[in-house]
Amino acid sequence: MEETRDKRRKKLKSAIAEAVFGFIPAHVRPGVVLWFFERLRALQRVARRKFRNASRNAERFLSHFERLVGFGGYIEDQAAYGDMRFGKSTVRHSGCEVIAAYNALRSLGRGSIPSLPLLIDAFERDGMVLSGRWGTAPKAIRDFFVRQGYWTSFTANEREFDGLGELCDDFILTMYNDRHDIRRQVHTVYISKRDGLFAAHNLHGNGSVPKAYRSISGLVASINGGSSKPISLLGIREQAPEEDAPGQVRWSPDRG
């Protein structure tokens, strides 16, 4: 009898926790979440806080080169970057967006190794939120690639993901790790497309080998056993396509 009561209490406690901590992922539209991150990004810019991490990060980055080469030039092991600073935080704790941008640059650069310290510095100047404790605003990543001269397409509509998957070869996905518990926070990954197959890099941050899927929607559905929930997807191209895919959202500097 007592065991039955304990099971009921646990079920009730679990249901309450899911209702409370799953409210934002379940009921707050991705566009609102992106707007909120943009406000935090603007506040960070107004503060004009300068961080002196560049020289330290340049020195520490050298120690990661051997593993980096082992992963084909991609960063797959975010957990190993606790020695590199991002604002007041570390790359290990809140640098997934910077790593996703790094991996995208690695792919777009056709084999060249980008400078992670310089990339960190760029997002410390514009993009980080709460001095890096909450990582980087997703639209700041889009703006960075636009400034670098790339064509981008950005959407918060999950139904447009596969269409965008046909349009580009390089992507950056921002998502909730768990649609039922916001305490598991938000994660951002770079997605590559090779021979029509999609793979998410630095998905778990532990050096695990990326698995390939036939579509972005299939990849998203597999993350964390299907418990993740996407917020936005950024597609990146070196040049604008001849025709836009139906339903895609194309961003240009005069739109904001």
Protein backbone atom coordinates (compact mmCIF):
# COMPACT_ATOMS: atom_id res chain seq x y z
CA MET A 1 0.00 0.00 0.00
CA GLU A 2 2.79 2.39 0.98
CA GLU A 3 4.67 1.45 -2.19
CA THR A 4 1.59 2.36 -4.27
CA ARG A 5 1.40 5.79 -2.57
CA ASP A 6 5.09 6.39 -3.30
CA LYS A 7 4.58 5.57 -6.96
CA ARG A 8 1.62 7.96 -7.14
CA ARG A 9 3.61 10.71 -5.44
CA LYS A 10 6.50 10.22 -7.87
CA LYS A 11 4.15 10.32 -10.86
CA LEU A 12 2.49 13.48 -9.57
CA LYS A 13 5.84 15.11 -8.87
CA SER A 14 7.03 14.19 -12.38
CA ALA A 15 3.85 15.59 -13.97
CA ILE A 16 4.20 18.87 -12.06
CA ALA A 17 7.87 19.19 -13.01
CA GLU A 18 7.07 18.59 -16.68
CA ALA A 19 4.26 21.19 -16.59
CA VAL A 20 6.51 23.80 -14.95
CA PHE A 21 9.85 23.20 -16.66
CA GLY A 22 8.34 22.20 -19.99
CA PHE A 23 6.12 25.28 -20.28
CA ILE A 24 8.51 27.44 -22.32
CA PRO A 25 9.52 24.75 -24.85
CA ALA A 26 5.91 23.65 -25.23
CA HIS A 27 4.05 26.96 -25.31
CA VAL A 28 6.45 29.82 -26.15
CA ARG A 29 6.89 30.24 -29.92
CA PRO A 30 10.47 30.05 -31.25
CA GLY A 31 10.12 33.57 -32.64
CA VAL A 32 9.53 34.91 -29.14
CA VAL A 33 12.58 33.03 -27.85
CA LEU A 34 14.70 34.53 -30.65
CA TRP A 35 13.33 38.00 -29.86
CA PHE A 36 14.30 37.53 -26.20
CA PHE A 37 17.85 36.53 -27.15
CA GLU A 38 18.09 39.58 -29.40
CA ARG A 39 17.14 41.86 -26.49
CA LEU A 40 19.84 40.28 -24.32
CA ARG A 41 22.31 40.68 -27.18
CA ALA A 42 21.43 44.38 -27.46
CA LEU A 43 21.89 44.89 -23.72
CA GLN A 44 25.31 43.26 -23.93
CA ARG A 45 26.31 45.66 -26.70
CA VAL A 46 25.10 48.66 -24.70
CA ALA A 47 27.22 47.57 -21.75
CA ARG A 48 30.31 47.73 -24.04
CA ARG A 49 32.13 45.38 -21.76
CA LYS A 50 35.58 44.36 -23.00
CA PHE A 51 37.01 40.94 -22.27
CA ARG A 52 40.72 40.22 -22.29
CA ASN A 53 40.60 36.57 -23.32
CA ALA A 54 42.26 36.67 -26.74
CA SER A 55 45.89 36.08 -25.80
CA ARG A 56 45.06 33.41 -23.23
CA ASN A 57 42.74 31.64 -25.67
CA ALA A 58 45.34 31.75 -28.46
CA GLU A 59 47.82 30.00 -26.19
CA ARG A 60 45.36 27.38 -24.96
CA PHE A 61 44.01 26.65 -28.44
CA LEU A 62 47.40 25.28 -29.47
CA SER A 63 47.00 22.39 -27.02
CA HIS A 64 43.84 21.25 -28.84
CA PHE A 65 45.37 20.99 -32.32
CA GLU A 66 46.25 17.30 -32.21
CA ARG A 67 42.71 16.26 -31.29
CA LEU A 68 41.30 18.77 -33.75
CA VAL A 69 43.22 17.16 -36.60
CA GLY A 70 42.00 13.76 -35.41
CA PHE A 71 38.42 14.95 -35.89
CA GLY A 72 39.12 16.11 -39.43
CA GLY A 73 39.48 19.74 -38.38
CA TYR A 74 36.08 19.88 -36.67
CA ILE A 75 35.50 20.47 -32.97
CA GLU A 76 33.54 17.48 -31.69
CA ASP A 77 34.60 17.56 -28.03
CA GLN A 78 33.32 20.76 -26.43
CA ALA A 79 33.74 19.21 -22.99
CA ALA A 80 37.52 19.43 -23.45
CA TYR A 81 37.52 23.22 -23.87
CA GLY A 82 37.16 24.26 -20.25
CA ASP A 83 40.54 25.98 -20.51
CA MET A 84 39.31 28.54 -23.07
CA ARG A 85 37.32 31.56 -21.95
CA PHE A 86 34.16 32.98 -23.52
CA GLY A 87 33.26 36.22 -21.81
CA LYS A 88 32.92 35.41 -18.13
CA SER A 89 32.25 31.76 -18.91
CA THR A 90 34.13 29.00 -20.75
CA VAL A 91 33.77 27.41 -24.16
CA ARG A 92 32.99 24.15 -22.41
CA HIS A 93 30.04 25.64 -20.55
CA SER A 94 28.47 27.97 -23.12
CA GLY A 95 30.53 27.94 -26.30
CA CYS A 96 28.41 25.62 -28.44
CA GLU A 97 27.29 28.44 -30.77
CA VAL A 98 30.88 29.58 -31.28
CA ILE A 99 31.89 25.97 -31.98
CA ALA A 100 29.02 25.58 -34.46
CA ALA A 101 30.17 28.72 -36.29
CA TYR A 102 33.76 27.43 -36.21
CA ASN A 103 32.75 24.08 -37.71
CA ALA A 104 30.72 25.82 -40.42
CA LEU A 105 33.71 28.01 -41.30
CA ARG A 106 35.88 24.89 -41.36
CA SER A 107 33.58 23.35 -43.96
CA LEU A 108 33.07 26.50 -46.02
CA GLY A 109 36.82 27.11 -46.00
CA ARG A 110 37.38 23.78 -47.77
CA GLY A 111 39.98 22.42 -45.37
CA SER A 112 41.49 25.54 -43.83
CA ILE A 113 41.60 25.74 -40.04
CA PRO A 114 39.77 28.83 -38.69
CA SER A 115 41.01 30.70 -35.63
CA LEU A 116 38.80 29.82 -32.67
CA PRO A 117 40.31 32.61 -30.49
CA LEU A 118 39.48 35.22 -33.15
CA LEU A 119 35.97 33.82 -33.51
CA ILE A 120 35.44 33.98 -29.75
CA ASP A 121 36.61 37.58 -29.79
CA ALA A 122 34.16 38.43 -32.59
CA PHE A 123 31.18 37.08 -30.64
CA GLU A 124 32.36 38.71 -27.42
CA ARG A 125 32.10 42.01 -29.33
CA ASP A 126 28.66 41.25 -30.75
CA GLY A 127 26.48 38.23 -30.09
CA MET A 128 27.10 36.92 -26.61
CA VAL A 129 24.38 37.19 -23.98
CA LEU A 130 24.77 37.66 -20.24
CA SER A 131 28.55 38.00 -20.65
CA GLY A 132 28.68 34.56 -22.25
CA ARG A 133 26.87 32.68 -19.50
CA TRP A 134 23.93 32.03 -21.85
CA GLY A 135 26.07 31.59 -24.94
CA THR A 136 25.33 33.48 -28.17
CA ALA A 137 22.12 34.78 -29.73
CA PRO A 138 21.20 32.62 -32.78
CA LYS A 139 20.64 35.63 -35.05
CA ALA A 140 24.11 36.92 -34.17
CA ILE A 141 25.52 33.82 -35.87
CA ARG A 142 23.45 34.61 -38.98
CA ASP A 143 24.69 38.23 -38.94
CA PHE A 144 28.30 37.08 -38.61
CA PHE A 145 28.11 34.96 -41.77
CA VAL A 146 26.35 37.75 -43.67
CA ARG A 147 29.19 40.11 -42.73
CA GLN A 148 31.64 37.49 -44.05
CA GLY A 149 29.91 37.68 -47.43
CA TYR A 150 27.89 34.44 -47.31
CA TRP A 151 24.27 34.04 -48.39
CA THR A 152 22.07 32.88 -45.54
CA SER A 153 18.55 31.65 -45.00
CA PHE A 154 17.14 31.62 -41.48
CA THR A 155 13.92 30.03 -40.27
CA ALA A 156 12.18 29.23 -37.00
CA ASN A 157 9.57 27.13 -38.79
CA GLU A 158 10.38 23.42 -38.47
CA ARG A 159 8.23 22.63 -41.51
CA GLU A 160 10.74 24.51 -43.66
CA PHE A 161 13.80 22.59 -42.48
CA ASP A 162 13.85 19.96 -45.23
CA GLY A 163 13.32 22.59 -47.93
CA LEU A 164 16.28 24.50 -46.56
CA GLY A 165 18.17 21.20 -46.50
CA GLU A 166 17.84 21.03 -50.28
CA LEU A 167 18.97 24.62 -50.69
CA CYS A 168 22.24 24.61 -48.69
CA ASP A 169 25.10 22.33 -47.67
CA ASP A 170 25.97 23.92 -44.31
CA PHE A 171 23.59 24.55 -41.41
CA ILE A 172 23.48 25.66 -37.80
CA LEU A 173 20.68 24.30 -35.62
CA THR A 174 19.65 25.74 -32.25
CA MET A 175 17.39 23.60 -30.08
CA TYR A 176 16.17 22.76 -26.59
CA ASN A 177 18.00 19.69 -25.34
CA ASP A 178 14.75 18.47 -23.77
CA ARG A 179 11.28 19.65 -24.76
CA HIS A 180 10.02 18.59 -21.33
CA ASP A 181 12.66 20.27 -19.16
CA ILE A 182 14.16 23.66 -19.91
CA ARG A 183 16.71 23.08 -17.15
CA ARG A 184 18.62 20.94 -19.67
CA GLN A 185 19.15 24.22 -21.52
CA VAL A 186 19.71 25.07 -25.17
CA HIS A 187 22.31 23.59 -27.51
CA THR A 188 23.56 24.68 -30.95
CA VAL A 189 25.25 22.39 -33.48
CA TYR A 190 26.71 22.59 -36.97
CA ILE A 191 25.11 20.23 -39.51
CA SER A 192 27.05 19.13 -42.57
CA LYS A 193 25.63 17.65 -45.80
CA ARG A 194 27.75 15.15 -47.71
CA ASP A 195 26.40 13.02 -50.56
CA GLY A 196 22.89 13.97 -49.54
CA LEU A 197 23.34 12.84 -45.92
CA PHE A 198 23.15 15.15 -42.90
CA ALA A 199 25.29 14.87 -39.74
CA ALA A 200 25.36 16.99 -36.57
CA HIS A 201 28.82 17.85 -35.22
CA ASN A 202 29.61 18.36 -31.51
CA LEU A 203 26.16 16.99 -30.76
CA HIS A 204 27.18 15.52 -27.40
CA GLY A 205 30.49 17.34 -26.99
CA ASN A 206 32.37 14.18 -26.06
CA GLY A 207 34.07 13.34 -29.36
CA SER A 208 31.43 10.85 -30.49
CA VAL A 209 31.28 10.16 -34.24
CA PRO A 210 28.39 11.97 -36.01
CA LYS A 211 25.69 9.73 -37.46
CA ALA A 212 24.31 10.48 -40.92
CA TYR A 213 20.62 10.90 -41.80
CA ARG A 214 18.77 11.32 -45.08
CA SER A 215 17.00 14.52 -44.02
CA ILE A 216 17.34 17.30 -41.47
CA SER A 217 13.93 16.42 -40.04
CA GLY A 218 15.10 12.83 -39.55
CA LEU A 219 18.25 14.03 -37.84
CA VAL A 220 16.32 16.40 -35.54
CA ALA A 221 13.85 13.65 -34.63
CA SER A 222 16.74 11.42 -33.51
CA ILE A 223 18.50 13.88 -31.17
CA ASN A 224 18.42 12.91 -27.50
CA GLY A 225 16.06 10.06 -28.24
CA GLY A 226 13.55 12.39 -29.83
CA SER A 227 13.19 14.62 -26.77
CA SER A 228 14.92 17.68 -28.25
CA LYS A 229 12.94 20.53 -29.84
CA PRO A 230 14.29 22.89 -32.53
CA ILE A 231 14.24 26.66 -32.17
CA SER A 232 15.87 27.81 -35.42
CA LEU A 233 17.86 26.64 -38.42
CA LEU A 234 20.40 28.70 -40.35
CA GLY A 235 21.40 27.67 -43.87
CA ILE A 236 24.64 29.04 -45.33
CA ARG A 237 25.88 29.23 -48.92
CA GLU A 238 28.87 30.86 -50.57
CA GLN A 239 26.60 32.33 -53.26
CA ALA A 240 22.89 32.99 -53.58
CA PRO A 241 20.95 30.18 -55.31
CA GLU A 242 19.32 30.76 -58.67
CA GLU A 243 15.88 30.14 -57.19
CA ASP A 244 14.60 30.20 -53.64
CA ALA A 245 12.95 27.06 -52.32
CA PRO A 246 9.23 27.55 -51.58
CA GLY A 247 8.52 28.75 -48.06
CA GLN A 248 12.08 29.73 -47.20
CA VAL A 249 12.89 32.89 -45.30
CA ARG A 250 15.69 34.81 -46.96
CA TRP A 251 17.46 37.45 -44.88
CA SER A 252 19.27 40.48 -46.24
CA PRO A 253 20.99 43.39 -44.43
CA ASP A 254 18.07 45.75 -45.05
CA ARG A 255 15.59 43.46 -43.26
CA GLY A 256 17.05 42.94 -39.79
